[in-house]
Amino acid sequence: TILEQTKARVKKLGPGKHDPGQIGPLLSRYNQEIQACYEQALAADPKLGGTVVLNLDADQNGAIPGASTDPKAGMAGLPQVAGCVAERARAWKLPKKDNGTAPASSTRITLTYRLAARKP
């Protein structure tokens, strides 16, 4: 009986989840880092603008082991911004998952940044 109760409880816990209510405000704190990446590229091309999509994989403990972008990282323009954004995102830390039992599970987060040069 004890074994069955324990087994049932483990099924209910499952892989856990990151609380969206905590993640959204936390990720918005990193907007300054995204802006810094963009402003660095603006120095070379003052008319630079466009969209960068950031895909994050957050592990059970809130670390970001994976970050990819669209466009892919490159040396100039939006690809330069994307590379900078991905590099910085890998250093971000999110809260741990709640009630998780599967440490290998991850949470996929997609963020879209629309970048436009400020008009004088």
PDB file of N, CA and C in Angstrom:
ATOM      1  N   THR A   1       0.823  -1.193   0.000  1.00  0.00           N
ATOM      2  CA  THR A   1       0.000   0.000   0.000  1.00  0.00           C
ATOM      3  C   THR A   1       0.870   1.260   0.000  1.00  0.00           C
ATOM      4  N   ILE A   2       1.894   1.297   0.816  1.00  0.00           N
ATOM      5  CA  ILE A   2       2.772   2.463   0.876  1.00  0.00           C
ATOM      6  C   ILE A   2       3.453   2.670  -0.475  1.00  0.00           C
ATOM      7  N   LEU A   3       3.891   1.581  -1.089  1.00  0.00           N
ATOM      8  CA  LEU A   3       4.535   1.675  -2.399  1.00  0.00           C
ATOM      9  C   LEU A   3       3.571   2.255  -3.439  1.00  0.00           C
ATOM     10  N   GLU A   4       2.331   1.820  -3.442  1.00  0.00           N
ATOM     11  CA  GLU A   4       1.335   2.326  -4.392  1.00  0.00           C
ATOM     12  C   GLU A   4       1.053   3.818  -4.155  1.00  0.00           C
ATOM     13  N   GLN A   5       0.973   4.232  -2.900  1.00  0.00           N
ATOM     14  CA  GLN A   5       0.740   5.641  -2.598  1.00  0.00           C
ATOM     15  C   GLN A   5       1.913   6.505  -3.076  1.00  0.00           C
ATOM     16  N   THR A   6       3.119   6.039  -2.830  1.00  0.00           N
ATOM     17  CA  THR A   6       4.302   6.773  -3.273  1.00  0.00           C
ATOM     18  C   THR A   6       4.333   6.868  -4.789  1.00  0.00           C
ATOM     19  N   LYS A   7       4.041   5.760  -5.450  1.00  0.00           N
ATOM     20  CA  LYS A   7       4.026   5.725  -6.910  1.00  0.00           C
ATOM     21  C   LYS A   7       2.982   6.699  -7.464  1.00  0.00           C
ATOM     22  N   ALA A   8       1.815   6.761  -6.869  1.00  0.00           N
ATOM     23  CA  ALA A   8       0.754   7.667  -7.311  1.00  0.00           C
ATOM     24  C   ALA A   8       1.172   9.116  -7.116  1.00  0.00           C
ATOM     25  N   ARG A   9       1.842   9.410  -6.006  1.00  0.00           N
ATOM     26  CA  ARG A   9       2.280  10.773  -5.729  1.00  0.00           C
ATOM     27  C   ARG A   9       3.341  11.219  -6.744  1.00  0.00           C
ATOM     28  N   VAL A  10       4.249  10.345  -7.104  1.00  0.00           N
ATOM     29  CA  VAL A  10       5.289  10.675  -8.068  1.00  0.00           C
ATOM     30  C   VAL A  10       4.668  10.972  -9.420  1.00  0.00           C
ATOM     31  N   LYS A  11       3.671  10.239  -9.844  1.00  0.00           N
ATOM     32  CA  LYS A  11       2.993  10.504 -11.110  1.00  0.00           C
ATOM     33  C   LYS A  11       2.361  11.886 -11.109  1.00  0.00           C
ATOM     34  N   LYS A  12       1.787  12.279  -9.994  1.00  0.00           N
ATOM     35  CA  LYS A  12       1.141  13.588  -9.919  1.00  0.00           C
ATOM     36  C   LYS A  12       2.166  14.720 -10.029  1.00  0.00           C
ATOM     37  N   LEU A  13       3.336  14.533  -9.464  1.00  0.00           N
ATOM     38  CA  LEU A  13       4.336  15.582  -9.498  1.00  0.00           C
ATOM     39  C   LEU A  13       4.864  15.813 -10.903  1.00  0.00           C
ATOM     40  N   GLY A  14       5.128  14.761 -11.627  1.00  0.00           N
ATOM     41  CA  GLY A  14       5.584  14.892 -13.004  1.00  0.00           C
ATOM     42  C   GLY A  14       6.889  15.659 -13.121  1.00  0.00           C
ATOM     43  N   PRO A  15       7.104  16.274 -14.280  1.00  0.00           N
ATOM     44  CA  PRO A  15       8.373  16.945 -14.515  1.00  0.00           C
ATOM     45  C   PRO A  15       8.474  18.339 -13.903  1.00  0.00           C
ATOM     46  N   GLY A  16       7.418  18.880 -13.349  1.00  0.00           N
ATOM     47  CA  GLY A  16       7.454  20.225 -12.794  1.00  0.00           C
ATOM     48  C   GLY A  16       7.306  21.267 -13.885  1.00  0.00           C
ATOM     49  N   LYS A  17       7.261  22.521 -13.470  1.00  0.00           N
ATOM     50  CA  LYS A  17       7.124  23.589 -14.457  1.00  0.00           C
ATOM     51  C   LYS A  17       7.707  24.871 -13.894  1.00  0.00           C
ATOM     52  N   HIS A  18       8.088  25.751 -14.805  1.00  0.00           N
ATOM     53  CA  HIS A  18       8.504  27.079 -14.400  1.00  0.00           C
ATOM     54  C   HIS A  18       7.239  27.930 -14.307  1.00  0.00           C
ATOM     55  N   ASP A  19       7.144  28.727 -13.274  1.00  0.00           N
ATOM     56  CA  ASP A  19       5.976  29.565 -13.055  1.00  0.00           C
ATOM     57  C   ASP A  19       6.024  30.767 -13.994  1.00  0.00           C
ATOM     58  N   PRO A  20       5.092  30.843 -14.981  1.00  0.00           N
ATOM     59  CA  PRO A  20       5.095  31.966 -15.927  1.00  0.00           C
ATOM     60  C   PRO A  20       4.978  33.321 -15.230  1.00  0.00           C
ATOM     61  N   GLY A  21       4.298  33.365 -14.084  1.00  0.00           N
ATOM     62  CA  GLY A  21       4.152  34.611 -13.345  1.00  0.00           C
ATOM     63  C   GLY A  21       5.477  35.142 -12.822  1.00  0.00           C
ATOM     64  N   GLN A  22       6.420  34.238 -12.571  1.00  0.00           N
ATOM     65  CA  GLN A  22       7.747  34.653 -12.115  1.00  0.00           C
ATOM     66  C   GLN A  22       8.674  34.915 -13.289  1.00  0.00           C
ATOM     67  N   ILE A  23       8.537  34.141 -14.358  1.00  0.00           N
ATOM     68  CA  ILE A  23       9.464  34.231 -15.478  1.00  0.00           C
ATOM     69  C   ILE A  23       9.304  35.531 -16.261  1.00  0.00           C
ATOM     70  N   GLY A  24       8.073  35.931 -16.569  1.00  0.00           N
ATOM     71  CA  GLY A  24       7.840  37.137 -17.366  1.00  0.00           C
ATOM     72  C   GLY A  24       8.514  38.376 -16.794  1.00  0.00           C
ATOM     73  N   PRO A  25       8.219  38.740 -15.549  1.00  0.00           N
ATOM     74  CA  PRO A  25       8.860  39.921 -14.963  1.00  0.00           C
ATOM     75  C   PRO A  25      10.377  39.780 -14.852  1.00  0.00           C
ATOM     76  N   LEU A  26      10.852  38.571 -14.584  1.00  0.00           N
ATOM     77  CA  LEU A  26      12.288  38.362 -14.479  1.00  0.00           C
ATOM     78  C   LEU A  26      12.964  38.584 -15.827  1.00  0.00           C
ATOM     79  N   LEU A  27      12.386  38.038 -16.889  1.00  0.00           N
ATOM     80  CA  LEU A  27      12.975  38.205 -18.218  1.00  0.00           C
ATOM     81  C   LEU A  27      12.944  39.659 -18.668  1.00  0.00           C
ATOM     82  N   SER A  28      11.938  40.419 -18.247  1.00  0.00           N
ATOM     83  CA  SER A  28      11.882  41.827 -18.644  1.00  0.00           C
ATOM     84  C   SER A  28      13.043  42.619 -18.027  1.00  0.00           C
ATOM     85  N   ARG A  29      13.614  42.126 -16.946  1.00  0.00           N
ATOM     86  CA  ARG A  29      14.775  42.781 -16.340  1.00  0.00           C
ATOM     87  C   ARG A  29      15.989  42.720 -17.260  1.00  0.00           C
ATOM     88  N   TYR A  30      16.002  41.747 -18.146  1.00  0.00           N
ATOM     89  CA  TYR A  30      17.136  41.582 -19.054  1.00  0.00           C
ATOM     90  C   TYR A  30      17.004  42.429 -20.319  1.00  0.00           C
ATOM     91  N   ASN A  31      15.923  43.175 -20.454  1.00  0.00           N
ATOM     92  CA  ASN A  31      15.725  44.003 -21.649  1.00  0.00           C
ATOM     93  C   ASN A  31      16.859  45.007 -21.851  1.00  0.00           C
ATOM     94  N   GLN A  32      17.455  45.478 -20.770  1.00  0.00           N
ATOM     95  CA  GLN A  32      18.575  46.414 -20.892  1.00  0.00           C
ATOM     96  C   GLN A  32      19.763  45.750 -21.588  1.00  0.00           C
ATOM     97  N   GLU A  33      19.964  44.473 -21.358  1.00  0.00           N
ATOM     98  CA  GLU A  33      21.054  43.755 -22.021  1.00  0.00           C
ATOM     99  C   GLU A  33      20.775  43.631 -23.519  1.00  0.00           C
ATOM    100  N   ILE A  34      19.526  43.391 -23.872  1.00  0.00           N
ATOM    101  CA  ILE A  34      19.139  43.301 -25.279  1.00  0.00           C
ATOM    102  C   ILE A  34      19.363  44.662 -25.938  1.00  0.00           C
ATOM    103  N   GLN A  35      18.955  45.718 -25.248  1.00  0.00           N
ATOM    104  CA  GLN A  35      19.130  47.078 -25.767  1.00  0.00           C
ATOM    105  C   GLN A  35      20.608  47.398 -25.969  1.00  0.00           C
ATOM    106  N   ALA A  36      21.460  46.967 -25.044  1.00  0.00           N
ATOM    107  CA  ALA A  36      22.901  47.213 -25.165  1.00  0.00           C
ATOM    108  C   ALA A  36      23.469  46.512 -26.402  1.00  0.00           C
ATOM    109  N   CYS A  37      23.023  45.295 -26.663  1.00  0.00           N
ATOM    110  CA  CYS A  37      23.468  44.576 -27.865  1.00  0.00           C
ATOM    111  C   CYS A  37      23.051  45.340 -29.116  1.00  0.00           C
ATOM    112  N   TYR A  38      21.823  45.834 -29.110  1.00  0.00           N
ATOM    113  CA  TYR A  38      21.300  46.552 -30.269  1.00  0.00           C
ATOM    114  C   TYR A  38      22.057  47.869 -30.472  1.00  0.00           C
ATOM    115  N   GLU A  39      22.281  48.614 -29.409  1.00  0.00           N
ATOM    116  CA  GLU A  39      22.973  49.899 -29.523  1.00  0.00           C
ATOM    117  C   GLU A  39      24.409  49.733 -29.994  1.00  0.00           C
ATOM    118  N   GLN A  40      25.033  48.644 -29.632  1.00  0.00           N
ATOM    119  CA  GLN A  40      26.390  48.366 -30.101  1.00  0.00           C
ATOM    120  C   GLN A  40      26.385  48.217 -31.629  1.00  0.00           C
ATOM    121  N   ALA A  41      25.406  47.516 -32.175  1.00  0.00           N
ATOM    122  CA  ALA A  41      25.313  47.338 -33.626  1.00  0.00           C
ATOM    123  C   ALA A  41      24.870  48.631 -34.319  1.00  0.00           C
ATOM    124  N   LEU A  42      24.077  49.445 -33.629  1.00  0.00           N
ATOM    125  CA  LEU A  42      23.635  50.728 -34.203  1.00  0.00           C
ATOM    126  C   LEU A  42      24.802  51.670 -34.480  1.00  0.00           C
ATOM    127  N   ALA A  43      25.871  51.528 -33.713  1.00  0.00           N
ATOM    128  CA  ALA A  43      27.043  52.385 -33.920  1.00  0.00           C
ATOM    129  C   ALA A  43      27.599  52.192 -35.335  1.00  0.00           C
ATOM    130  N   ALA A  44      27.514  50.966 -35.847  1.00  0.00           N
ATOM    131  CA  ALA A  44      28.012  50.679 -37.197  1.00  0.00           C
ATOM    132  C   ALA A  44      26.969  50.971 -38.268  1.00  0.00           C
ATOM    133  N   ASP A  45      25.692  50.851 -37.924  1.00  0.00           N
ATOM    134  CA  ASP A  45      24.619  51.051 -38.907  1.00  0.00           C
ATOM    135  C   ASP A  45      23.449  51.749 -38.214  1.00  0.00           C
ATOM    136  N   PRO A  46      23.409  53.085 -38.242  1.00  0.00           N
ATOM    137  CA  PRO A  46      22.379  53.841 -37.525  1.00  0.00           C
ATOM    138  C   PRO A  46      20.947  53.563 -37.989  1.00  0.00           C
ATOM    139  N   LYS A  47      20.769  52.966 -39.153  1.00  0.00           N
ATOM    140  CA  LYS A  47      19.422  52.663 -39.653  1.00  0.00           C
ATOM    141  C   LYS A  47      19.000  51.225 -39.379  1.00  0.00           C
ATOM    142  N   LEU A  48      19.807  50.500 -38.652  1.00  0.00           N
ATOM    143  CA  LEU A  48      19.544  49.079 -38.383  1.00  0.00           C
ATOM    144  C   LEU A  48      18.229  48.899 -37.621  1.00  0.00           C
ATOM    145  N   GLY A  49      17.443  47.974 -38.070  1.00  0.00           N
ATOM    146  CA  GLY A  49      16.193  47.646 -37.395  1.00  0.00           C
ATOM    147  C   GLY A  49      15.727  46.277 -37.846  1.00  0.00           C
ATOM    148  N   GLY A  50      14.789  45.727 -37.116  1.00  0.00           N
ATOM    149  CA  GLY A  50      14.246  44.425 -37.479  1.00  0.00           C
ATOM    150  C   GLY A  50      13.851  43.648 -36.246  1.00  0.00           C
ATOM    151  N   THR A  51      13.657  42.359 -36.429  1.00  0.00           N
ATOM    152  CA  THR A  51      13.186  41.491 -35.358  1.00  0.00           C
ATOM    153  C   THR A  51      14.215  40.408 -35.059  1.00  0.00           C
ATOM    154  N   VAL A  52      14.445  40.177 -33.773  1.00  0.00           N
ATOM    155  CA  VAL A  52      15.288  39.079 -33.316  1.00  0.00           C
ATOM    156  C   VAL A  52      14.412  38.189 -32.439  1.00  0.00           C
ATOM    157  N   VAL A  53      14.360  36.906 -32.785  1.00  0.00           N
ATOM    158  CA  VAL A  53      13.623  35.929 -31.990  1.00  0.00           C
ATOM    159  C   VAL A  53      14.641  35.120 -31.197  1.00  0.00           C
ATOM    160  N   LEU A  54      14.431  35.038 -29.892  1.00  0.00           N
ATOM    161  CA  LEU A  54      15.325  34.318 -28.991  1.00  0.00           C
ATOM    162  C   LEU A  54      14.594  33.102 -28.438  1.00  0.00           C
ATOM    163  N   ASN A  55      15.173  31.918 -28.649  1.00  0.00           N
ATOM    164  CA  ASN A  55      14.623  30.669 -28.103  1.00  0.00           C
ATOM    165  C   ASN A  55      15.521  30.202 -26.978  1.00  0.00           C
ATOM    166  N   LEU A  56      14.953  30.047 -25.795  1.00  0.00           N
ATOM    167  CA  LEU A  56      15.701  29.631 -24.611  1.00  0.00           C
ATOM    168  C   LEU A  56      15.265  28.244 -24.170  1.00  0.00           C
ATOM    169  N   ASP A  57      16.209  27.463 -23.686  1.00  0.00           N
ATOM    170  CA  ASP A  57      15.921  26.205 -23.014  1.00  0.00           C
ATOM    171  C   ASP A  57      16.388  26.369 -21.580  1.00  0.00           C
ATOM    172  N   ALA A  58      15.435  26.363 -20.645  1.00  0.00           N
ATOM    173  CA  ALA A  58      15.761  26.507 -19.227  1.00  0.00           C
ATOM    174  C   ALA A  58      15.687  25.136 -18.572  1.00  0.00           C
ATOM    175  N   ASP A  59      16.717  24.772 -17.816  1.00  0.00           N
ATOM    176  CA  ASP A  59      16.709  23.462 -17.162  1.00  0.00           C
ATOM    177  C   ASP A  59      15.953  23.501 -15.836  1.00  0.00           C
ATOM    178  N   GLN A  60      15.898  22.377 -15.168  1.00  0.00           N
ATOM    179  CA  GLN A  60      15.162  22.207 -13.916  1.00  0.00           C
ATOM    180  C   GLN A  60      15.569  23.239 -12.864  1.00  0.00           C
ATOM    181  N   ASN A  61      16.856  23.619 -12.859  1.00  0.00           N
ATOM    182  CA  ASN A  61      17.366  24.545 -11.844  1.00  0.00           C
ATOM    183  C   ASN A  61      17.323  26.001 -12.270  1.00  0.00           C
ATOM    184  N   GLY A  62      16.817  26.279 -13.486  1.00  0.00           N
ATOM    185  CA  GLY A  62      16.698  27.649 -13.947  1.00  0.00           C
ATOM    186  C   GLY A  62      17.863  28.150 -14.777  1.00  0.00           C
ATOM    187  N   ALA A  63      18.877  27.310 -14.985  1.00  0.00           N
ATOM    188  CA  ALA A  63      19.995  27.699 -15.845  1.00  0.00           C
ATOM    189  C   ALA A  63      19.540  27.659 -17.302  1.00  0.00           C
ATOM    190  N   ILE A  64      20.225  28.408 -18.160  1.00  0.00           N
ATOM    191  CA  ILE A  64      19.905  28.461 -19.590  1.00  0.00           C
ATOM    192  C   ILE A  64      21.037  27.774 -20.354  1.00  0.00           C
ATOM    193  N   PRO A  65      20.957  26.458 -20.540  1.00  0.00           N
ATOM    194  CA  PRO A  65      22.023  25.768 -21.269  1.00  0.00           C
ATOM    195  C   PRO A  65      21.936  25.954 -22.781  1.00  0.00           C
ATOM    196  N   GLY A  66      20.771  26.358 -23.264  1.00  0.00           N
ATOM    197  CA  GLY A  66      20.609  26.516 -24.708  1.00  0.00           C
ATOM    198  C   GLY A  66      19.928  27.823 -25.066  1.00  0.00           C
ATOM    199  N   ALA A  67      20.497  28.522 -26.042  1.00  0.00           N
ATOM    200  CA  ALA A  67      19.895  29.748 -26.558  1.00  0.00           C
ATOM    201  C   ALA A  67      20.197  29.815 -28.048  1.00  0.00           C
ATOM    202  N   SER A  68      19.153  29.986 -28.848  1.00  0.00           N
ATOM    203  CA  SER A  68      19.335  30.139 -30.285  1.00  0.00           C
ATOM    204  C   SER A  68      18.507  31.331 -30.748  1.00  0.00           C
ATOM    205  N   THR A  69      18.853  31.849 -31.910  1.00  0.00           N
ATOM    206  CA  THR A  69      18.175  33.046 -32.404  1.00  0.00           C
ATOM    207  C   THR A  69      17.790  32.898 -33.866  1.00  0.00           C
ATOM    208  N   ASP A  70      16.858  33.727 -34.252  1.00  0.00           N
ATOM    209  CA  ASP A  70      16.509  33.913 -35.652  1.00  0.00           C
ATOM    210  C   ASP A  70      16.481  35.417 -35.864  1.00  0.00           C
ATOM    211  N   PRO A  71      17.405  35.977 -36.608  1.00  0.00           N
ATOM    212  CA  PRO A  71      18.379  35.315 -37.464  1.00  0.00           C
ATOM    213  C   PRO A  71      19.495  34.672 -36.647  1.00  0.00           C
ATOM    214  N   LYS A  72      20.233  33.799 -37.281  1.00  0.00           N
ATOM    215  CA  LYS A  72      21.378  33.158 -36.635  1.00  0.00           C
ATOM    216  C   LYS A  72      22.471  34.197 -36.378  1.00  0.00           C
ATOM    217  N   ALA A  73      23.322  33.901 -35.404  1.00  0.00           N
ATOM    218  CA  ALA A  73      24.408  34.815 -35.041  1.00  0.00           C
ATOM    219  C   ALA A  73      25.338  35.056 -36.225  1.00  0.00           C
ATOM    220  N   GLY A  74      25.826  36.276 -36.302  1.00  0.00           N
ATOM    221  CA  GLY A  74      26.739  36.648 -37.383  1.00  0.00           C
ATOM    222  C   GLY A  74      27.621  37.806 -36.973  1.00  0.00           C
ATOM    223  N   MET A  75      28.294  38.387 -37.955  1.00  0.00           N
ATOM    224  CA  MET A  75      29.285  39.422 -37.683  1.00  0.00           C
ATOM    225  C   MET A  75      28.775  40.855 -37.804  1.00  0.00           C
ATOM    226  N   ALA A  76      27.654  41.070 -38.476  1.00  0.00           N
ATOM    227  CA  ALA A  76      27.182  42.442 -38.677  1.00  0.00           C
ATOM    228  C   ALA A  76      25.661  42.474 -38.726  1.00  0.00           C
ATOM    229  N   GLY A  77      25.102  43.661 -38.524  1.00  0.00           N
ATOM    230  CA  GLY A  77      23.659  43.851 -38.617  1.00  0.00           C
ATOM    231  C   GLY A  77      22.887  43.071 -37.561  1.00  0.00           C
ATOM    232  N   LEU A  78      21.675  42.658 -37.923  1.00  0.00           N
ATOM    233  CA  LEU A  78      20.849  41.903 -36.973  1.00  0.00           C
ATOM    234  C   LEU A  78      21.502  40.595 -36.529  1.00  0.00           C
ATOM    235  N   PRO A  79      22.225  39.873 -37.398  1.00  0.00           N
ATOM    236  CA  PRO A  79      22.926  38.685 -36.914  1.00  0.00           C
ATOM    237  C   PRO A  79      23.935  38.992 -35.803  1.00  0.00           C
ATOM    238  N   GLN A  80      24.567  40.176 -35.864  1.00  0.00           N
ATOM    239  CA  GLN A  80      25.482  40.573 -34.791  1.00  0.00           C
ATOM    240  C   GLN A  80      24.707  40.766 -33.494  1.00  0.00           C
ATOM    241  N   VAL A  81      23.565  41.438 -33.582  1.00  0.00           N
ATOM    242  CA  VAL A  81      22.717  41.645 -32.405  1.00  0.00           C
ATOM    243  C   VAL A  81      22.279  40.283 -31.859  1.00  0.00           C
ATOM    244  N   ALA A  82      21.858  39.386 -32.747  1.00  0.00           N
ATOM    245  CA  ALA A  82      21.387  38.067 -32.331  1.00  0.00           C
ATOM    246  C   ALA A  82      22.474  37.295 -31.591  1.00  0.00           C
ATOM    247  N   GLY A  83      23.696  37.346 -32.089  1.00  0.00           N
ATOM    248  CA  GLY A  83      24.798  36.653 -31.417  1.00  0.00           C
ATOM    249  C   GLY A  83      25.056  37.190 -30.027  1.00  0.00           C
ATOM    250  N   CYS A  84      25.026  38.488 -29.902  1.00  0.00           N
ATOM    251  CA  CYS A  84      25.215  39.130 -28.603  1.00  0.00           C
ATOM    252  C   CYS A  84      24.092  38.738 -27.636  1.00  0.00           C
ATOM    253  N   VAL A  85      22.854  38.762 -28.135  1.00  0.00           N
ATOM    254  CA  VAL A  85      21.686  38.418 -27.316  1.00  0.00           C
ATOM    255  C   VAL A  85      21.799  36.977 -26.824  1.00  0.00           C
ATOM    256  N   ALA A  86      22.130  36.040 -27.710  1.00  0.00           N
ATOM    257  CA  ALA A  86      22.233  34.628 -27.322  1.00  0.00           C
ATOM    258  C   ALA A  86      23.335  34.427 -26.286  1.00  0.00           C
ATOM    259  N   GLU A  87      24.461  35.097 -26.489  1.00  0.00           N
ATOM    260  CA  GLU A  87      25.578  34.974 -25.551  1.00  0.00           C
ATOM    261  C   GLU A  87      25.175  35.462 -24.158  1.00  0.00           C
ATOM    262  N   ARG A  88      24.532  36.598 -24.104  1.00  0.00           N
ATOM    263  CA  ARG A  88      24.108  37.137 -22.803  1.00  0.00           C
ATOM    264  C   ARG A  88      23.036  36.270 -22.160  1.00  0.00           C
ATOM    265  N   ALA A  89      22.116  35.744 -22.978  1.00  0.00           N
ATOM    266  CA  ALA A  89      21.010  34.942 -22.443  1.00  0.00           C
ATOM    267  C   ALA A  89      21.506  33.672 -21.762  1.00  0.00           C
ATOM    268  N   ARG A  90      22.589  33.114 -22.237  1.00  0.00           N
ATOM    269  CA  ARG A  90      23.118  31.881 -21.623  1.00  0.00           C
ATOM    270  C   ARG A  90      23.586  32.116 -20.187  1.00  0.00           C
ATOM    271  N   ALA A  91      23.805  33.363 -19.808  1.00  0.00           N
ATOM    272  CA  ALA A  91      24.229  33.684 -18.440  1.00  0.00           C
ATOM    273  C   ALA A  91      23.047  33.992 -17.525  1.00  0.00           C
ATOM    274  N   TRP A  92      21.839  34.086 -18.095  1.00  0.00           N
ATOM    275  CA  TRP A  92      20.667  34.398 -17.286  1.00  0.00           C
ATOM    276  C   TRP A  92      20.323  33.227 -16.377  1.00  0.00           C
ATOM    277  N   LYS A  93      19.619  33.544 -15.295  1.00  0.00           N
ATOM    278  CA  LYS A  93      19.196  32.529 -14.329  1.00  0.00           C
ATOM    279  C   LYS A  93      17.718  32.733 -14.036  1.00  0.00           C
ATOM    280  N   LEU A  94      16.944  31.676 -14.190  1.00  0.00           N
ATOM    281  CA  LEU A  94      15.523  31.698 -13.867  1.00  0.00           C
ATOM    282  C   LEU A  94      15.300  30.950 -12.555  1.00  0.00           C
ATOM    283  N   PRO A  95      14.117  31.078 -11.965  1.00  0.00           N
ATOM    284  CA  PRO A  95      13.824  30.312 -10.752  1.00  0.00           C
ATOM    285  C   PRO A  95      13.792  28.816 -11.061  1.00  0.00           C
ATOM    286  N   LYS A  96      13.992  28.014 -10.032  1.00  0.00           N
ATOM    287  CA  LYS A  96      13.877  26.564 -10.190  1.00  0.00           C
ATOM    288  C   LYS A  96      12.438  26.197 -10.521  1.00  0.00           C
ATOM    289  N   LYS A  97      12.274  25.032 -11.151  1.00  0.00           N
ATOM    290  CA  LYS A  97      10.926  24.531 -11.432  1.00  0.00           C
ATOM    291  C   LYS A  97      10.242  24.147 -10.124  1.00  0.00           C
ATOM    292  N   ASP A  98       8.922  24.289 -10.094  1.00  0.00           N
ATOM    293  CA  ASP A  98       8.135  23.900  -8.928  1.00  0.00           C
ATOM    294  C   ASP A  98       7.765  22.428  -9.014  1.00  0.00           C
ATOM    295  N   ASN A  99       7.880  21.713  -7.922  1.00  0.00           N
ATOM    296  CA  ASN A  99       7.379  20.346  -7.794  1.00  0.00           C
ATOM    297  C   ASN A  99       7.883  19.383  -8.857  1.00  0.00           C
ATOM    298  N   GLY A 100       9.070  19.537  -9.297  1.00  0.00           N
ATOM    299  CA  GLY A 100       9.569  18.663 -10.355  1.00  0.00           C
ATOM    300  C   GLY A 100      10.235  17.416  -9.834  1.00  0.00           C
ATOM    301  N   THR A 101      10.133  16.345 -10.603  1.00  0.00           N
ATOM    302  CA  THR A 101      10.810  15.109 -10.249  1.00  0.00           C
ATOM    303  C   THR A 101      11.748  14.655 -11.341  1.00  0.00           C
ATOM    304  N   ALA A 102      11.707  15.289 -12.511  1.00  0.00           N
ATOM    305  CA  ALA A 102      12.534  14.881 -13.639  1.00  0.00           C
ATOM    306  C   ALA A 102      13.571  15.959 -13.943  1.00  0.00           C
ATOM    307  N   PRO A 103      14.796  15.825 -13.397  1.00  0.00           N
ATOM    308  CA  PRO A 103      15.791  16.874 -13.564  1.00  0.00           C
ATOM    309  C   PRO A 103      16.225  17.097 -15.011  1.00  0.00           C
ATOM    310  N   ALA A 104      15.986  16.145 -15.890  1.00  0.00           N
ATOM    311  CA  ALA A 104      16.415  16.295 -17.279  1.00  0.00           C
ATOM    312  C   ALA A 104      15.414  17.092 -18.119  1.00  0.00           C
ATOM    313  N   SER A 105      14.274  17.421 -17.556  1.00  0.00           N
ATOM    314  CA  SER A 105      13.279  18.142 -18.347  1.00  0.00           C
ATOM    315  C   SER A 105      13.680  19.609 -18.485  1.00  0.00           C
ATOM    316  N   SER A 106      13.216  20.238 -19.567  1.00  0.00           N
ATOM    317  CA  SER A 106      13.531  21.652 -19.773  1.00  0.00           C
ATOM    318  C   SER A 106      12.277  22.395 -20.200  1.00  0.00           C
ATOM    319  N   THR A 107      12.335  23.698 -20.061  1.00  0.00           N
ATOM    320  CA  THR A 107      11.248  24.574 -20.472  1.00  0.00           C
ATOM    321  C   THR A 107      11.728  25.373 -21.660  1.00  0.00           C
ATOM    322  N   ARG A 108      10.906  25.439 -22.697  1.00  0.00           N
ATOM    323  CA  ARG A 108      11.249  26.199 -23.910  1.00  0.00           C
ATOM    324  C   ARG A 108      10.534  27.541 -23.835  1.00  0.00           C
ATOM    325  N   ILE A 109      11.286  28.624 -23.994  1.00  0.00           N
ATOM    326  CA  ILE A 109      10.752  29.975 -23.925  1.00  0.00           C
ATOM    327  C   ILE A 109      11.144  30.697 -25.208  1.00  0.00           C
ATOM    328  N   THR A 110      10.179  31.348 -25.847  1.00  0.00           N
ATOM    329  CA  THR A 110      10.467  32.116 -27.053  1.00  0.00           C
ATOM    330  C   THR A 110      10.147  33.577 -26.790  1.00  0.00           C
ATOM    331  N   LEU A 111      11.122  34.434 -27.056  1.00  0.00           N
ATOM    332  CA  LEU A 111      10.971  35.875 -26.882  1.00  0.00           C
ATOM    333  C   LEU A 111      11.215  36.561 -28.218  1.00  0.00           C
ATOM    334  N   THR A 112      10.412  37.569 -28.522  1.00  0.00           N
ATOM    335  CA  THR A 112      10.569  38.314 -29.765  1.00  0.00           C
ATOM    336  C   THR A 112      10.877  39.767 -29.433  1.00  0.00           C
ATOM    337  N   TYR A 113      11.955  40.260 -30.035  1.00  0.00           N
ATOM    338  CA  TYR A 113      12.364  41.648 -29.834  1.00  0.00           C
ATOM    339  C   TYR A 113      12.261  42.377 -31.169  1.00  0.00           C
ATOM    340  N   ARG A 114      11.441  43.415 -31.209  1.00  0.00           N
ATOM    341  CA  ARG A 114      11.320  44.263 -32.405  1.00  0.00           C
ATOM    342  C   ARG A 114      12.179  45.491 -32.166  1.00  0.00           C
ATOM    343  N   LEU A 115      13.207  45.618 -32.970  1.00  0.00           N
ATOM    344  CA  LEU A 115      14.213  46.655 -32.759  1.00  0.00           C
ATOM    345  C   LEU A 115      14.091  47.717 -33.843  1.00  0.00           C
ATOM    346  N   ALA A 116      14.033  48.963 -33.427  1.00  0.00           N
ATOM    347  CA  ALA A 116      13.938  50.081 -34.373  1.00  0.00           C
ATOM    348  C   ALA A 116      14.774  51.226 -33.817  1.00  0.00           C
ATOM    349  N   ALA A 117      15.539  51.833 -34.696  1.00  0.00           N
ATOM    350  CA  ALA A 117      16.362  52.976 -34.302  1.00  0.00           C
ATOM    351  C   ALA A 117      15.454  54.130 -33.871  1.00  0.00           C
ATOM    352  N   ARG A 118      15.887  54.841 -32.846  1.00  0.00           N
ATOM    353  CA  ARG A 118      15.116  55.998 -32.382  1.00  0.00           C
ATOM    354  C   ARG A 118      15.245  57.122 -33.395  1.00  0.00           C
ATOM    355  N   LYS A 119      14.145  57.777 -33.640  1.00  0.00           N
ATOM    356  CA  LYS A 119      14.176  58.915 -34.573  1.00  0.00           C
ATOM    357  C   LYS A 119      14.586  60.160 -33.806  1.00  0.00           C
ATOM    358  N   PRO A 120      15.499  60.956 -34.404  1.00  0.00           N
ATOM    359  CA  PRO A 120      15.978  62.160 -33.712  1.00  0.00           C
ATOM    360  C   PRO A 120      14.909  63.195 -33.529  1.00  0.00           C
TER     361      PRO A 120
END
